[in-house]
Amino acid sequence: HIGGVRTALFNYLFAKKHGGTFVLRIEDTDQNRYVEGAEAYIK
């Protein structure tokens, strides 16, 4: 969702502003709700 993109953007902006590191972590512990192709879509 674009709300998620905004969260990623604000994290990225904050990291780069302070010379830091922006990490992508895929939280896929809920295997019942896992959707094929969603991780590739996020990237």
Full PDB file with SEQRES, HELIX, SHEET, SSBOND, CRYST1, ORIGX, SCALE, CONECT and MASTER records, all heavy atoms in Angstrom:
SEQRES   1 A   43  HIS ILE GLY GLY VAL ARG THR ALA LEU PHE ASN TYR LEU          
SEQRES   2 A   43  PHE ALA LYS LYS HIS GLY GLY THR PHE VAL LEU ARG ILE          
SEQRES   3 A   43  GLU ASP THR ASP GLN ASN ARG TYR VAL GLU GLY ALA GLU          
SEQRES   4 A   43  ALA TYR ILE LYS                                              
HELIX    1 AA1 ILE A    2  LYS A   17  1                                  16    
HELIX    2 AA2 GLN A   31  ARG A   33  5                                   3    
HELIX    3 AA3 ALA A   38  ILE A   42  1                                   5    
CRYST1    1.000    1.000    1.000  90.00  90.00  90.00 P 1           1          
ORIGX1      1.000000  0.000000  0.000000        0.00000                         
ORIGX2      0.000000  1.000000  0.000000        0.00000                         
ORIGX3      0.000000  0.000000  1.000000        0.00000                         
SCALE1      1.000000  0.000000  0.000000        0.00000                         
SCALE2      0.000000  1.000000  0.000000        0.00000                         
SCALE3      0.000000  0.000000  1.000000        0.00000                         
ATOM      1  N   HIS A   1       0.860  -1.195   0.000  1.00  0.00           N  
ATOM      2  CA  HIS A   1       0.000   0.000   0.000  1.00  0.00           C  
ATOM      3  C   HIS A   1       0.895   1.243   0.000  1.00  0.00           C  
ATOM      4  O   HIS A   1       2.028   1.189   0.474  1.00  0.00           O  
ATOM      5  CB  HIS A   1      -0.854  -0.060   1.274  1.00  0.00           C  
ATOM      6  CG  HIS A   1      -1.888   0.994   1.403  1.00  0.00           C  
ATOM      7  ND1 HIS A   1      -1.598   2.268   1.841  1.00  0.00           N  
ATOM      8  CD2 HIS A   1      -3.224   0.969   1.185  1.00  0.00           C  
ATOM      9  CE1 HIS A   1      -2.713   2.983   1.890  1.00  0.00           C  
ATOM     10  NE2 HIS A   1      -3.717   2.220   1.500  1.00  0.00           N  
ATOM     11  N   ILE A   2       0.393   2.362  -0.521  1.00  0.00           N  
ATOM     12  CA  ILE A   2       1.252   3.557  -0.537  1.00  0.00           C  
ATOM     13  C   ILE A   2       1.595   4.018   0.872  1.00  0.00           C  
ATOM     14  O   ILE A   2       2.600   4.701   1.070  1.00  0.00           O  
ATOM     15  CB  ILE A   2       0.640   4.727  -1.346  1.00  0.00           C  
ATOM     16  CG1 ILE A   2      -0.748   5.104  -0.828  1.00  0.00           C  
ATOM     17  CG2 ILE A   2       0.645   4.435  -2.818  1.00  0.00           C  
ATOM     18  CD1 ILE A   2      -1.193   6.467  -1.304  1.00  0.00           C  
ATOM     19  N   GLY A   3       0.771   3.625   1.867  1.00  0.00           N  
ATOM     20  CA  GLY A   3       1.133   3.918   3.256  1.00  0.00           C  
ATOM     21  C   GLY A   3       2.425   3.222   3.625  1.00  0.00           C  
ATOM     22  O   GLY A   3       3.272   3.777   4.336  1.00  0.00           O  
ATOM     23  N   GLY A   4       2.591   2.001   3.134  1.00  0.00           N  
ATOM     24  CA  GLY A   4       3.834   1.258   3.363  1.00  0.00           C  
ATOM     25  C   GLY A   4       5.003   1.894   2.635  1.00  0.00           C  
ATOM     26  O   GLY A   4       6.113   1.967   3.175  1.00  0.00           O  
ATOM     27  N   VAL A   5       4.763   2.370   1.418  1.00  0.00           N  
ATOM     28  CA  VAL A   5       5.828   3.048   0.664  1.00  0.00           C  
ATOM     29  C   VAL A   5       6.261   4.302   1.419  1.00  0.00           C  
ATOM     30  O   VAL A   5       7.446   4.608   1.510  1.00  0.00           O  
ATOM     31  CB  VAL A   5       5.362   3.413  -0.761  1.00  0.00           C  
ATOM     32  CG1 VAL A   5       6.492   4.092  -1.529  1.00  0.00           C  
ATOM     33  CG2 VAL A   5       4.889   2.176  -1.523  1.00  0.00           C  
ATOM     34  N   ARG A   6       5.274   5.042   1.979  1.00  0.00           N  
ATOM     35  CA  ARG A   6       5.627   6.246   2.737  1.00  0.00           C  
ATOM     36  C   ARG A   6       6.486   5.888   3.950  1.00  0.00           C  
ATOM     37  O   ARG A   6       7.462   6.578   4.269  1.00  0.00           O  
ATOM     38  CB  ARG A   6       4.377   6.990   3.194  1.00  0.00           C  
ATOM     39  CG  ARG A   6       4.717   8.310   3.884  1.00  0.00           C  
ATOM     40  CD  ARG A   6       3.564   8.876   4.662  1.00  0.00           C  
ATOM     41  NE  ARG A   6       3.113   7.977   5.726  1.00  0.00           N  
ATOM     42  CZ  ARG A   6       2.198   8.306   6.623  1.00  0.00           C  
ATOM     43  NH1 ARG A   6       1.625   9.494   6.590  1.00  0.00           N  
ATOM     44  NH2 ARG A   6       1.828   7.445   7.557  1.00  0.00           N  
ATOM     45  N   THR A   7       6.142   4.793   4.648  1.00  0.00           N  
ATOM     46  CA  THR A   7       6.953   4.366   5.801  1.00  0.00           C  
ATOM     47  C   THR A   7       8.379   4.060   5.358  1.00  0.00           C  
ATOM     48  O   THR A   7       9.342   4.467   6.011  1.00  0.00           O  
ATOM     49  CB  THR A   7       6.320   3.125   6.465  1.00  0.00           C  
ATOM     50  OG1 THR A   7       5.008   3.462   6.924  1.00  0.00           O  
ATOM     51  CG2 THR A   7       7.154   2.638   7.641  1.00  0.00           C  
ATOM     52  N   ALA A   8       8.503   3.342   4.235  1.00  0.00           N  
ATOM     53  CA  ALA A   8       9.838   3.037   3.706  1.00  0.00           C  
ATOM     54  C   ALA A   8      10.575   4.327   3.365  1.00  0.00           C  
ATOM     55  O   ALA A   8      11.769   4.486   3.679  1.00  0.00           O  
ATOM     56  CB  ALA A   8       9.711   2.154   2.462  1.00  0.00           C  
ATOM     57  N   LEU A   9       9.869   5.261   2.732  1.00  0.00           N  
ATOM     58  CA  LEU A   9      10.485   6.529   2.326  1.00  0.00           C  
ATOM     59  C   LEU A   9      10.993   7.308   3.531  1.00  0.00           C  
ATOM     60  O   LEU A   9      12.135   7.781   3.537  1.00  0.00           O  
ATOM     61  CB  LEU A   9       9.466   7.373   1.556  1.00  0.00           C  
ATOM     62  CG  LEU A   9       9.888   8.811   1.226  1.00  0.00           C  
ATOM     63  CD1 LEU A   9      11.079   8.812   0.272  1.00  0.00           C  
ATOM     64  CD2 LEU A   9       8.722   9.592   0.622  1.00  0.00           C  
ATOM     65  N   PHE A  10      10.170   7.430   4.586  1.00  0.00           N  
ATOM     66  CA  PHE A  10      10.587   8.204   5.756  1.00  0.00           C  
ATOM     67  C   PHE A  10      11.782   7.542   6.446  1.00  0.00           C  
ATOM     68  O   PHE A  10      12.676   8.234   6.945  1.00  0.00           O  
ATOM     69  CB  PHE A  10       9.419   8.368   6.733  1.00  0.00           C  
ATOM     70  CG  PHE A  10       8.413   9.430   6.319  1.00  0.00           C  
ATOM     71  CD1 PHE A  10       8.324   9.851   5.007  1.00  0.00           C  
ATOM     72  CD2 PHE A  10       7.559   9.995   7.237  1.00  0.00           C  
ATOM     73  CE1 PHE A  10       7.401  10.823   4.605  1.00  0.00           C  
ATOM     74  CE2 PHE A  10       6.632  10.975   6.871  1.00  0.00           C  
ATOM     75  CZ  PHE A  10       6.555  11.379   5.546  1.00  0.00           C  
ATOM     76  N   ASN A  11      11.798   6.221   6.488  1.00  0.00           N  
ATOM     77  CA  ASN A  11      12.964   5.514   7.032  1.00  0.00           C  
ATOM     78  C   ASN A  11      14.207   5.803   6.199  1.00  0.00           C  
ATOM     79  O   ASN A  11      15.286   6.076   6.732  1.00  0.00           O  
ATOM     80  CB  ASN A  11      12.697   4.008   7.085  1.00  0.00           C  
ATOM     81  CG  ASN A  11      11.981   3.566   8.344  1.00  0.00           C  
ATOM     82  OD1 ASN A  11      12.592   3.401   9.391  1.00  0.00           O  
ATOM     83  ND2 ASN A  11      10.673   3.400   8.255  1.00  0.00           N  
ATOM     84  N   TYR A  12      14.045   5.722   4.886  1.00  0.00           N  
ATOM     85  CA  TYR A  12      15.175   5.970   3.970  1.00  0.00           C  
ATOM     86  C   TYR A  12      15.694   7.392   4.136  1.00  0.00           C  
ATOM     87  O   TYR A  12      16.907   7.614   4.260  1.00  0.00           O  
ATOM     88  CB  TYR A  12      14.706   5.730   2.532  1.00  0.00           C  
ATOM     89  CG  TYR A  12      15.726   6.106   1.481  1.00  0.00           C  
ATOM     90  CD1 TYR A  12      16.722   5.212   1.101  1.00  0.00           C  
ATOM     91  CD2 TYR A  12      15.716   7.364   0.889  1.00  0.00           C  
ATOM     92  CE1 TYR A  12      17.670   5.556   0.148  1.00  0.00           C  
ATOM     93  CE2 TYR A  12      16.659   7.732  -0.060  1.00  0.00           C  
ATOM     94  CZ  TYR A  12      17.632   6.819  -0.428  1.00  0.00           C  
ATOM     95  OH  TYR A  12      18.573   7.184  -1.367  1.00  0.00           O  
ATOM     96  N   LEU A  13      14.781   8.372   4.151  1.00  0.00           N  
ATOM     97  CA  LEU A  13      15.194   9.778   4.263  1.00  0.00           C  
ATOM     98  C   LEU A  13      15.948  10.023   5.565  1.00  0.00           C  
ATOM     99  O   LEU A  13      16.978  10.707   5.587  1.00  0.00           O  
ATOM    100  CB  LEU A  13      13.968  10.701   4.198  1.00  0.00           C  
ATOM    101  CG  LEU A  13      13.185  10.719   2.879  1.00  0.00           C  
ATOM    102  CD1 LEU A  13      11.955  11.606   3.006  1.00  0.00           C  
ATOM    103  CD2 LEU A  13      14.060  11.160   1.724  1.00  0.00           C  
ATOM    104  N   PHE A  14      15.425   9.447   6.653  1.00  0.00           N  
ATOM    105  CA  PHE A  14      16.066   9.637   7.952  1.00  0.00           C  
ATOM    106  C   PHE A  14      17.463   9.015   7.967  1.00  0.00           C  
ATOM    107  O   PHE A  14      18.429   9.622   8.449  1.00  0.00           O  
ATOM    108  CB  PHE A  14      15.202   9.024   9.058  1.00  0.00           C  
ATOM    109  CG  PHE A  14      15.726   9.283  10.438  1.00  0.00           C  
ATOM    110  CD1 PHE A  14      15.534  10.509  11.056  1.00  0.00           C  
ATOM    111  CD2 PHE A  14      16.438   8.301  11.124  1.00  0.00           C  
ATOM    112  CE1 PHE A  14      16.039  10.754  12.340  1.00  0.00           C  
ATOM    113  CE2 PHE A  14      16.945   8.537  12.387  1.00  0.00           C  
ATOM    114  CZ  PHE A  14      16.740   9.771  12.998  1.00  0.00           C  
ATOM    115  N   ALA A  15      17.567   7.798   7.421  1.00  0.00           N  
ATOM    116  CA  ALA A  15      18.869   7.116   7.389  1.00  0.00           C  
ATOM    117  C   ALA A  15      19.886   7.920   6.590  1.00  0.00           C  
ATOM    118  O   ALA A  15      21.013   8.148   7.037  1.00  0.00           O  
ATOM    119  CB  ALA A  15      18.712   5.717   6.801  1.00  0.00           C  
ATOM    120  N   LYS A  16      19.481   8.354   5.392  1.00  0.00           N  
ATOM    121  CA  LYS A  16      20.425   9.065   4.524  1.00  0.00           C  
ATOM    122  C   LYS A  16      20.789  10.436   5.089  1.00  0.00           C  
ATOM    123  O   LYS A  16      21.916  10.904   4.925  1.00  0.00           O  
ATOM    124  CB  LYS A  16      19.847   9.212   3.110  1.00  0.00           C  
ATOM    125  CG  LYS A  16      19.603   7.874   2.413  1.00  0.00           C  
ATOM    126  CD  LYS A  16      20.857   7.015   2.399  1.00  0.00           C  
ATOM    127  CE  LYS A  16      20.565   5.547   2.585  1.00  0.00           C  
ATOM    128  NZ  LYS A  16      21.742   4.720   2.774  1.00  0.00           N  
ATOM    129  N   LYS A  17      19.814  11.086   5.751  1.00  0.00           N  
ATOM    130  CA  LYS A  17      20.075  12.398   6.361  1.00  0.00           C  
ATOM    131  C   LYS A  17      21.201  12.288   7.391  1.00  0.00           C  
ATOM    132  O   LYS A  17      22.022  13.190   7.549  1.00  0.00           O  
ATOM    133  CB  LYS A  17      18.775  12.891   7.035  1.00  0.00           C  
ATOM    134  CG  LYS A  17      18.906  14.152   7.888  1.00  0.00           C  
ATOM    135  CD  LYS A  17      19.021  15.389   7.004  1.00  0.00           C  
ATOM    136  CE  LYS A  17      19.095  16.661   7.834  1.00  0.00           C  
ATOM    137  NZ  LYS A  17      17.767  17.139   8.225  1.00  0.00           N  
ATOM    138  N   HIS A  18      21.242  11.142   8.100  1.00  0.00           N  
ATOM    139  CA  HIS A  18      22.219  10.971   9.180  1.00  0.00           C  
ATOM    140  C   HIS A  18      23.354  10.019   8.801  1.00  0.00           C  
ATOM    141  O   HIS A  18      24.065   9.527   9.680  1.00  0.00           O  
ATOM    142  CB  HIS A  18      21.500  10.488  10.442  1.00  0.00           C  
ATOM    143  CG  HIS A  18      20.493  11.482  10.944  1.00  0.00           C  
ATOM    144  ND1 HIS A  18      20.856  12.662  11.550  1.00  0.00           N  
ATOM    145  CD2 HIS A  18      19.127  11.483  10.899  1.00  0.00           C  
ATOM    146  CE1 HIS A  18      19.772  13.351  11.869  1.00  0.00           C  
ATOM    147  NE2 HIS A  18      18.708  12.668  11.487  1.00  0.00           N  
ATOM    148  N   GLY A  19      23.509   9.772   7.497  1.00  0.00           N  
ATOM    149  CA  GLY A  19      24.602   8.906   7.048  1.00  0.00           C  
ATOM    150  C   GLY A  19      24.472   7.492   7.559  1.00  0.00           C  
ATOM    151  O   GLY A  19      25.473   6.809   7.811  1.00  0.00           O  
ATOM    152  N   GLY A  20      23.219   7.042   7.752  1.00  0.00           N  
ATOM    153  CA  GLY A  20      22.974   5.723   8.336  1.00  0.00           C  
ATOM    154  C   GLY A  20      22.640   4.642   7.332  1.00  0.00           C  
ATOM    155  O   GLY A  20      22.871   4.788   6.126  1.00  0.00           O  
ATOM    156  N   THR A  21      22.072   3.556   7.842  1.00  0.00           N  
ATOM    157  CA  THR A  21      21.791   2.363   7.043  1.00  0.00           C  
ATOM    158  C   THR A  21      20.297   2.087   7.031  1.00  0.00           C  
ATOM    159  O   THR A  21      19.634   2.116   8.078  1.00  0.00           O  
ATOM    160  CB  THR A  21      22.526   1.143   7.652  1.00  0.00           C  
ATOM    161  OG1 THR A  21      23.924   1.435   7.692  1.00  0.00           O  
ATOM    162  CG2 THR A  21      22.305  -0.110   6.812  1.00  0.00           C  
ATOM    163  N   PHE A  22      19.783   1.801   5.826  1.00  0.00           N  
ATOM    164  CA  PHE A  22      18.365   1.485   5.634  1.00  0.00           C  
ATOM    165  C   PHE A  22      18.248  -0.010   5.349  1.00  0.00           C  
ATOM    166  O   PHE A  22      18.813  -0.510   4.385  1.00  0.00           O  
ATOM    167  CB  PHE A  22      17.800   2.316   4.480  1.00  0.00           C  
ATOM    168  CG  PHE A  22      16.390   1.971   4.085  1.00  0.00           C  
ATOM    169  CD1 PHE A  22      15.387   1.855   5.034  1.00  0.00           C  
ATOM    170  CD2 PHE A  22      16.056   1.772   2.750  1.00  0.00           C  
ATOM    171  CE1 PHE A  22      14.078   1.551   4.670  1.00  0.00           C  
ATOM    172  CE2 PHE A  22      14.759   1.473   2.367  1.00  0.00           C  
ATOM    173  CZ  PHE A  22      13.768   1.352   3.325  1.00  0.00           C  
ATOM    174  N   VAL A  23      17.538  -0.712   6.230  1.00  0.00           N  
ATOM    175  CA  VAL A  23      17.436  -2.175   6.152  1.00  0.00           C  
ATOM    176  C   VAL A  23      16.025  -2.574   5.706  1.00  0.00           C  
ATOM    177  O   VAL A  23      15.035  -2.023   6.184  1.00  0.00           O  
ATOM    178  CB  VAL A  23      17.719  -2.812   7.540  1.00  0.00           C  
ATOM    179  CG1 VAL A  23      17.575  -4.336   7.486  1.00  0.00           C  
ATOM    180  CG2 VAL A  23      19.106  -2.408   8.040  1.00  0.00           C  
ATOM    181  N   LEU A  24      15.945  -3.546   4.800  1.00  0.00           N  
ATOM    182  CA  LEU A  24      14.661  -4.165   4.458  1.00  0.00           C  
ATOM    183  C   LEU A  24      14.614  -5.535   5.123  1.00  0.00           C  
ATOM    184  O   LEU A  24      15.504  -6.364   4.908  1.00  0.00           O  
ATOM    185  CB  LEU A  24      14.502  -4.330   2.946  1.00  0.00           C  
ATOM    186  CG  LEU A  24      13.252  -5.121   2.504  1.00  0.00           C  
ATOM    187  CD1 LEU A  24      11.969  -4.368   2.837  1.00  0.00           C  
ATOM    188  CD2 LEU A  24      13.304  -5.440   1.011  1.00  0.00           C  
ATOM    189  N   ARG A  25      13.596  -5.740   5.961  1.00  0.00           N  
ATOM    190  CA  ARG A  25      13.423  -7.042   6.613  1.00  0.00           C  
ATOM    191  C   ARG A  25      12.027  -7.560   6.271  1.00  0.00           C  
ATOM    192  O   ARG A  25      11.036  -6.858   6.454  1.00  0.00           O  
ATOM    193  CB  ARG A  25      13.578  -6.887   8.129  1.00  0.00           C  
ATOM    194  CG  ARG A  25      13.538  -8.223   8.861  1.00  0.00           C  
ATOM    195  CD  ARG A  25      13.889  -8.037  10.329  1.00  0.00           C  
ATOM    196  NE  ARG A  25      12.830  -7.439  11.111  1.00  0.00           N  
ATOM    197  CZ  ARG A  25      13.013  -6.440  11.986  1.00  0.00           C  
ATOM    198  NH1 ARG A  25      14.209  -5.919  12.162  1.00  0.00           N  
ATOM    199  NH2 ARG A  25      11.992  -5.957  12.678  1.00  0.00           N  
ATOM    200  N   ILE A  26      11.955  -8.761   5.765  1.00  0.00           N  
ATOM    201  CA  ILE A  26      10.673  -9.346   5.388  1.00  0.00           C  
ATOM    202  C   ILE A  26      10.121 -10.132   6.569  1.00  0.00           C  
ATOM    203  O   ILE A  26      10.708 -11.128   7.005  1.00  0.00           O  
ATOM    204  CB  ILE A  26      10.828 -10.271   4.150  1.00  0.00           C  
ATOM    205  CG1 ILE A  26      11.411  -9.490   2.961  1.00  0.00           C  
ATOM    206  CG2 ILE A  26       9.488 -10.897   3.789  1.00  0.00           C  
ATOM    207  CD1 ILE A  26      10.544  -8.358   2.453  1.00  0.00           C  
ATOM    208  N   GLU A  27       8.992  -9.677   7.112  1.00  0.00           N  
ATOM    209  CA  GLU A  27       8.409 -10.301   8.305  1.00  0.00           C  
ATOM    210  C   GLU A  27       7.351 -11.320   7.876  1.00  0.00           C  
ATOM    211  O   GLU A  27       6.160 -11.015   7.781  1.00  0.00           O  
ATOM    212  CB  GLU A  27       7.852  -9.220   9.227  1.00  0.00           C  
ATOM    213  CG  GLU A  27       8.942  -8.229   9.641  1.00  0.00           C  
ATOM    214  CD  GLU A  27       8.693  -7.547  10.962  1.00  0.00           C  
ATOM    215  OE1 GLU A  27       7.546  -7.443  11.389  1.00  0.00           O  
ATOM    216  OE2 GLU A  27       9.693  -7.095  11.572  1.00  0.00           O  
ATOM    217  N   ASP A  28       7.822 -12.518   7.607  1.00  0.00           N  
ATOM    218  CA  ASP A  28       6.958 -13.573   7.048  1.00  0.00           C  
ATOM    219  C   ASP A  28       6.709 -14.712   8.035  1.00  0.00           C  
ATOM    220  O   ASP A  28       6.645 -15.880   7.647  1.00  0.00           O  
ATOM    221  CB  ASP A  28       7.562 -14.118   5.749  1.00  0.00           C  
ATOM    222  CG  ASP A  28       8.985 -14.664   5.938  1.00  0.00           C  
ATOM    223  OD1 ASP A  28       9.564 -14.432   7.027  1.00  0.00           O  
ATOM    224  OD2 ASP A  28       9.511 -15.310   5.021  1.00  0.00           O  
ATOM    225  N   THR A  29       6.566 -14.364   9.313  1.00  0.00           N  
ATOM    226  CA  THR A  29       6.321 -15.424  10.309  1.00  0.00           C  
ATOM    227  C   THR A  29       4.906 -15.981  10.188  1.00  0.00           C  
ATOM    228  O   THR A  29       4.646 -17.110  10.580  1.00  0.00           O  
ATOM    229  CB  THR A  29       6.531 -14.896  11.742  1.00  0.00           C  
ATOM    230  OG1 THR A  29       5.776 -13.700  11.905  1.00  0.00           O  
ATOM    231  CG2 THR A  29       8.001 -14.605  12.006  1.00  0.00           C  
ATOM    232  N   ASP A  30       3.967 -15.175   9.659  1.00  0.00           N  
ATOM    233  CA  ASP A  30       2.581 -15.632   9.507  1.00  0.00           C  
ATOM    234  C   ASP A  30       2.433 -16.321   8.155  1.00  0.00           C  
ATOM    235  O   ASP A  30       2.050 -15.718   7.155  1.00  0.00           O  
ATOM    236  CB  ASP A  30       1.613 -14.455   9.622  1.00  0.00           C  
ATOM    237  CG  ASP A  30       0.162 -14.915   9.741  1.00  0.00           C  
ATOM    238  OD1 ASP A  30      -0.105 -16.094   9.425  1.00  0.00           O  
ATOM    239  OD2 ASP A  30      -0.701 -14.099  10.129  1.00  0.00           O  
ATOM    240  N   GLN A  31       2.752 -17.619   8.147  1.00  0.00           N  
ATOM    241  CA  GLN A  31       2.747 -18.373   6.892  1.00  0.00           C  
ATOM    242  C   GLN A  31       1.333 -18.559   6.325  1.00  0.00           C  
ATOM    243  O   GLN A  31       1.166 -18.780   5.127  1.00  0.00           O  
ATOM    244  CB  GLN A  31       3.424 -19.737   7.089  1.00  0.00           C  
ATOM    245  CG  GLN A  31       4.921 -19.637   7.332  1.00  0.00           C  
ATOM    246  CD  GLN A  31       5.687 -19.063   6.139  1.00  0.00           C  
ATOM    247  OE1 GLN A  31       5.633 -19.588   5.042  1.00  0.00           O  
ATOM    248  NE2 GLN A  31       6.381 -17.948   6.354  1.00  0.00           N  
ATOM    249  N   ASN A  32       0.319 -18.477   7.178  1.00  0.00           N  
ATOM    250  CA  ASN A  32      -1.059 -18.632   6.689  1.00  0.00           C  
ATOM    251  C   ASN A  32      -1.467 -17.479   5.776  1.00  0.00           C  
ATOM    252  O   ASN A  32      -2.311 -17.648   4.894  1.00  0.00           O  
ATOM    253  CB  ASN A  32      -2.048 -18.693   7.875  1.00  0.00           C  
ATOM    254  CG  ASN A  32      -1.862 -19.967   8.676  1.00  0.00           C  
ATOM    255  OD1 ASN A  32      -1.524 -21.014   8.125  1.00  0.00           O  
ATOM    256  ND2 ASN A  32      -2.067 -19.883   9.988  1.00  0.00           N  
ATOM    257  N   ARG A  33      -0.887 -16.313   5.991  1.00  0.00           N  
ATOM    258  CA  ARG A  33      -1.257 -15.133   5.195  1.00  0.00           C  
ATOM    259  C   ARG A  33      -0.233 -14.819   4.107  1.00  0.00           C  
ATOM    260  O   ARG A  33      -0.374 -13.835   3.383  1.00  0.00           O  
ATOM    261  CB  ARG A  33      -1.426 -13.918   6.119  1.00  0.00           C  
ATOM    262  CG  ARG A  33      -2.575 -14.082   7.117  1.00  0.00           C  
ATOM    263  CD  ARG A  33      -2.674 -12.869   8.029  1.00  0.00           C  
ATOM    264  NE  ARG A  33      -2.959 -11.660   7.279  1.00  0.00           N  
ATOM    265  CZ  ARG A  33      -2.402 -10.465   7.510  1.00  0.00           C  
ATOM    266  NH1 ARG A  33      -1.526 -10.327   8.498  1.00  0.00           N  
ATOM    267  NH2 ARG A  33      -2.718  -9.416   6.779  1.00  0.00           N  
ATOM    268  N   TYR A  34       0.790 -15.664   3.993  1.00  0.00           N  
ATOM    269  CA  TYR A  34       1.843 -15.428   2.992  1.00  0.00           C  
ATOM    270  C   TYR A  34       1.260 -15.490   1.580  1.00  0.00           C  
ATOM    271  O   TYR A  34       0.484 -16.384   1.248  1.00  0.00           O  
ATOM    272  CB  TYR A  34       2.951 -16.471   3.150  1.00  0.00           C  
ATOM    273  CG  TYR A  34       4.047 -16.341   2.120  1.00  0.00           C  
ATOM    274  CD1 TYR A  34       5.071 -15.417   2.284  1.00  0.00           C  
ATOM    275  CD2 TYR A  34       4.054 -17.138   0.974  1.00  0.00           C  
ATOM    276  CE1 TYR A  34       6.081 -15.291   1.341  1.00  0.00           C  
ATOM    277  CE2 TYR A  34       5.050 -17.024   0.024  1.00  0.00           C  
ATOM    278  CZ  TYR A  34       6.065 -16.088   0.204  1.00  0.00           C  
ATOM    279  OH  TYR A  34       7.053 -15.964  -0.732  1.00  0.00           O  
ATOM    280  N   VAL A  35       1.620 -14.516   0.743  1.00  0.00           N  
ATOM    281  CA  VAL A  35       1.126 -14.469  -0.639  1.00  0.00           C  
ATOM    282  C   VAL A  35       2.309 -14.568  -1.592  1.00  0.00           C  
ATOM    283  O   VAL A  35       3.258 -13.771  -1.515  1.00  0.00           O  
ATOM    284  CB  VAL A  35       0.341 -13.159  -0.902  1.00  0.00           C  
ATOM    285  CG1 VAL A  35      -0.020 -13.025  -2.375  1.00  0.00           C  
ATOM    286  CG2 VAL A  35      -0.921 -13.119  -0.040  1.00  0.00           C  
ATOM    287  N   GLU A  36       2.253 -15.540  -2.479  1.00  0.00           N  
ATOM    288  CA  GLU A  36       3.306 -15.754  -3.482  1.00  0.00           C  
ATOM    289  C   GLU A  36       3.474 -14.490  -4.321  1.00  0.00           C  
ATOM    290  O   GLU A  36       2.509 -13.912  -4.799  1.00  0.00           O  
ATOM    291  CB  GLU A  36       2.924 -16.934  -4.383  1.00  0.00           C  
ATOM    292  CG  GLU A  36       4.058 -17.425  -5.270  1.00  0.00           C  
ATOM    293  CD  GLU A  36       5.180 -18.084  -4.475  1.00  0.00           C  
ATOM    294  OE1 GLU A  36       4.876 -18.825  -3.525  1.00  0.00           O  
ATOM    295  OE2 GLU A  36       6.354 -17.824  -4.823  1.00  0.00           O  
ATOM    296  N   GLY A  37       4.709 -14.055  -4.496  1.00  0.00           N  
ATOM    297  CA  GLY A  37       4.981 -12.891  -5.340  1.00  0.00           C  
ATOM    298  C   GLY A  37       4.991 -11.566  -4.586  1.00  0.00           C  
ATOM    299  O   GLY A  37       5.418 -10.545  -5.123  1.00  0.00           O  
ATOM    300  N   ALA A  38       4.525 -11.567  -3.334  1.00  0.00           N  
ATOM    301  CA  ALA A  38       4.429 -10.303  -2.584  1.00  0.00           C  
ATOM    302  C   ALA A  38       5.815  -9.737  -2.253  1.00  0.00           C  
ATOM    303  O   ALA A  38       6.027  -8.521  -2.325  1.00  0.00           O  
ATOM    304  CB  ALA A  38       3.616 -10.497  -1.315  1.00  0.00           C  
ATOM    305  N   GLU A  39       6.747 -10.617  -1.902  1.00  0.00           N  
ATOM    306  CA  GLU A  39       8.091 -10.117  -1.574  1.00  0.00           C  
ATOM    307  C   GLU A  39       8.748  -9.489  -2.797  1.00  0.00           C  
ATOM    308  O   GLU A  39       9.338  -8.405  -2.712  1.00  0.00           O  
ATOM    309  CB  GLU A  39       8.971 -11.246  -1.030  1.00  0.00           C  
ATOM    310  CG  GLU A  39      10.358 -10.760  -0.649  1.00  0.00           C  
ATOM    311  CD  GLU A  39      11.303 -11.870  -0.203  1.00  0.00           C  
ATOM    312  OE1 GLU A  39      10.842 -12.820   0.464  1.00  0.00           O  
ATOM    313  OE2 GLU A  39      12.508 -11.769  -0.520  1.00  0.00           O  
ATOM    314  N   ALA A  40       8.624 -10.150  -3.939  1.00  0.00           N  
ATOM    315  CA  ALA A  40       9.196  -9.605  -5.184  1.00  0.00           C  
ATOM    316  C   ALA A  40       8.559  -8.251  -5.508  1.00  0.00           C  
ATOM    317  O   ALA A  40       9.225  -7.321  -5.972  1.00  0.00           O  
ATOM    318  CB  ALA A  40       8.981 -10.586  -6.336  1.00  0.00           C  
ATOM    319  N   TYR A  41       7.244  -8.146  -5.245  1.00  0.00           N  
ATOM    320  CA  TYR A  41       6.524  -6.898  -5.492  1.00  0.00           C  
ATOM    321  C   TYR A  41       7.087  -5.771  -4.615  1.00  0.00           C  
ATOM    322  O   TYR A  41       7.310  -4.656  -5.088  1.00  0.00           O  
ATOM    323  CB  TYR A  41       5.033  -7.111  -5.184  1.00  0.00           C  
ATOM    324  CG  TYR A  41       4.170  -5.886  -5.389  1.00  0.00           C  
ATOM    325  CD1 TYR A  41       3.444  -5.713  -6.561  1.00  0.00           C  
ATOM    326  CD2 TYR A  41       4.072  -4.903  -4.402  1.00  0.00           C  
ATOM    327  CE1 TYR A  41       2.645  -4.585  -6.757  1.00  0.00           C  
ATOM    328  CE2 TYR A  41       3.281  -3.779  -4.583  1.00  0.00           C  
ATOM    329  CZ  TYR A  41       2.574  -3.624  -5.758  1.00  0.00           C  
ATOM    330  OH  TYR A  41       1.800  -2.509  -5.948  1.00  0.00           O  
ATOM    331  N   ILE A  42       7.316  -6.070  -3.343  1.00  0.00           N  
ATOM    332  CA  ILE A  42       7.858  -5.074  -2.408  1.00  0.00           C  
ATOM    333  C   ILE A  42       9.204  -4.556  -2.911  1.00  0.00           C  
ATOM    334  O   ILE A  42       9.445  -3.341  -2.962  1.00  0.00           O  
ATOM    335  CB  ILE A  42       8.003  -5.684  -0.997  1.00  0.00           C  
ATOM    336  CG1 ILE A  42       6.619  -5.947  -0.387  1.00  0.00           C  
ATOM    337  CG2 ILE A  42       8.821  -4.772  -0.085  1.00  0.00           C  
ATOM    338  CD1 ILE A  42       6.633  -6.885   0.812  1.00  0.00           C  
ATOM    339  N   LYS A  43      10.069  -5.469  -3.315  1.00  0.00           N  
ATOM    340  CA  LYS A  43      11.400  -5.074  -3.799  1.00  0.00           C  
ATOM    341  C   LYS A  43      11.309  -4.235  -5.066  1.00  0.00           C  
ATOM    342  O   LYS A  43      11.998  -3.220  -5.211  1.00  0.00           O  
ATOM    343  CB  LYS A  43      12.247  -6.324  -4.076  1.00  0.00           C  
ATOM    344  CG  LYS A  43      12.612  -7.126  -2.839  1.00  0.00           C  
ATOM    345  CD  LYS A  43      13.398  -8.344  -3.299  1.00  0.00           C  
ATOM    346  CE  LYS A  43      13.627  -9.315  -2.167  1.00  0.00           C  
ATOM    347  NZ  LYS A  43      14.203 -10.578  -2.655  1.00  0.00           N  
TER     348      LYS A  43                                                      
MASTER        0    0    0    3    0    0    0    6  347    1    0    4          
END                                                                             
